[in-house]
Amino acid sequence: MFKAQLSDGEQIRCDEYEIEEVGVRLFDGDGDFLAFVPFAHLLWVGRVDEAGRTLW
């Protein structure tokens, strides 16, 4: 599982993501599109455990 941290404090959990030229596309476990986050609004995207803790 992954989590995208947005600059406004929002967090979006996803199962997959794709990095594009100007941002990231987030997808659920079925491969359905959840959101597009432009790099200007993205602080980070990374792996988290089931409790939502960042895995480094």
C-alpha atoms as a PDB file:
ATOM      1  CA  MET A   1       0.000   0.000   0.000  1.00  0.00           C
ATOM      2  CA  PHE A   2       1.147   3.537  -0.758  1.00  0.00           C
ATOM      3  CA  LYS A   3       0.191   6.988   0.445  1.00  0.00           C
ATOM      4  CA  ALA A   4       0.485  10.328  -1.315  1.00  0.00           C
ATOM      5  CA  GLN A   5       0.957  13.342   0.963  1.00  0.00           C
ATOM      6  CA  LEU A   6      -0.422  16.524  -0.588  1.00  0.00           C
ATOM      7  CA  SER A   7       0.723  20.043   0.224  1.00  0.00           C
ATOM      8  CA  ASP A   8      -2.670  20.957   1.769  1.00  0.00           C
ATOM      9  CA  GLY A   9      -2.350  18.162   4.362  1.00  0.00           C
ATOM     10  CA  GLU A  10      -4.599  15.663   2.586  1.00  0.00           C
ATOM     11  CA  GLN A  11      -3.396  12.070   2.316  1.00  0.00           C
ATOM     12  CA  ILE A  12      -4.572   9.652  -0.359  1.00  0.00           C
ATOM     13  CA  ARG A  13      -4.020   5.917   0.059  1.00  0.00           C
ATOM     14  CA  CYS A  14      -3.522   3.866  -3.077  1.00  0.00           C
ATOM     15  CA  ASP A  15      -2.346   0.419  -4.121  1.00  0.00           C
ATOM     16  CA  GLU A  16      -0.405   1.532  -7.190  1.00  0.00           C
ATOM     17  CA  TYR A  17       0.907   4.745  -8.693  1.00  0.00           C
ATOM     18  CA  GLU A  18       2.500   5.868 -11.929  1.00  0.00           C
ATOM     19  CA  ILE A  19       4.901   8.764 -12.234  1.00  0.00           C
ATOM     20  CA  GLU A  20       4.213  10.992 -15.223  1.00  0.00           C
ATOM     21  CA  GLU A  21       5.955  14.074 -16.561  1.00  0.00           C
ATOM     22  CA  VAL A  22       3.985  16.566 -14.428  1.00  0.00           C
ATOM     23  CA  GLY A  23       2.630  14.460 -11.545  1.00  0.00           C
ATOM     24  CA  VAL A  24       1.503  11.056 -10.312  1.00  0.00           C
ATOM     25  CA  ARG A  25      -1.601   8.995 -11.101  1.00  0.00           C
ATOM     26  CA  LEU A  26      -2.989   6.988  -8.171  1.00  0.00           C
ATOM     27  CA  PHE A  27      -4.896   3.697  -8.515  1.00  0.00           C
ATOM     28  CA  ASP A  28      -6.804   1.360  -6.185  1.00  0.00           C
ATOM     29  CA  GLY A  29      -6.288  -2.395  -5.879  1.00  0.00           C
ATOM     30  CA  ASP A  30      -8.501  -3.088  -8.911  1.00  0.00           C
ATOM     31  CA  GLY A  31      -6.471  -0.729 -11.076  1.00  0.00           C
ATOM     32  CA  ASP A  32      -9.211   1.906 -11.048  1.00  0.00           C
ATOM     33  CA  PHE A  33      -8.062   5.521 -11.240  1.00  0.00           C
ATOM     34  CA  LEU A  34      -8.307   7.431  -7.937  1.00  0.00           C
ATOM     35  CA  ALA A  35      -6.614  10.762  -8.544  1.00  0.00           C
ATOM     36  CA  PHE A  36      -4.008  12.725 -10.423  1.00  0.00           C
ATOM     37  CA  VAL A  37      -1.694  14.810  -8.233  1.00  0.00           C
ATOM     38  CA  PRO A  38       0.526  17.424  -9.908  1.00  0.00           C
ATOM     39  CA  PHE A  39       4.063  17.602  -8.521  1.00  0.00           C
ATOM     40  CA  ALA A  40       3.360  21.195  -7.422  1.00  0.00           C
ATOM     41  CA  HIS A  41       0.888  19.796  -4.842  1.00  0.00           C
ATOM     42  CA  LEU A  42       2.722  16.577  -3.903  1.00  0.00           C
ATOM     43  CA  LEU A  43       5.038  16.455  -0.906  1.00  0.00           C
ATOM     44  CA  TRP A  44       5.833  12.753  -1.256  1.00  0.00           C
ATOM     45  CA  VAL A  45       4.458   9.360  -2.220  1.00  0.00           C
ATOM     46  CA  GLY A  46       5.704   6.200  -0.574  1.00  0.00           C
ATOM     47  CA  ARG A  47       4.996   2.805   0.913  1.00  0.00           C
ATOM     48  CA  VAL A  48       3.028   2.561   4.168  1.00  0.00           C
ATOM     49  CA  ASP A  49       1.986  -0.358   6.361  1.00  0.00           C
ATOM     50  CA  GLU A  50      -1.627  -1.262   7.223  1.00  0.00           C
ATOM     51  CA  ALA A  51      -1.573   1.215  10.142  1.00  0.00           C
ATOM     52  CA  GLY A  52      -0.547   4.024   7.781  1.00  0.00           C
ATOM     53  CA  ARG A  53       3.025   4.285   9.068  1.00  0.00           C
ATOM     54  CA  THR A  54       5.651   5.225   6.502  1.00  0.00           C
ATOM     55  CA  LEU A  55       8.046   2.427   5.566  1.00  0.00           C
ATOM     56  CA  TRP A  56      11.494   3.788   4.732  1.00  0.00           C
END
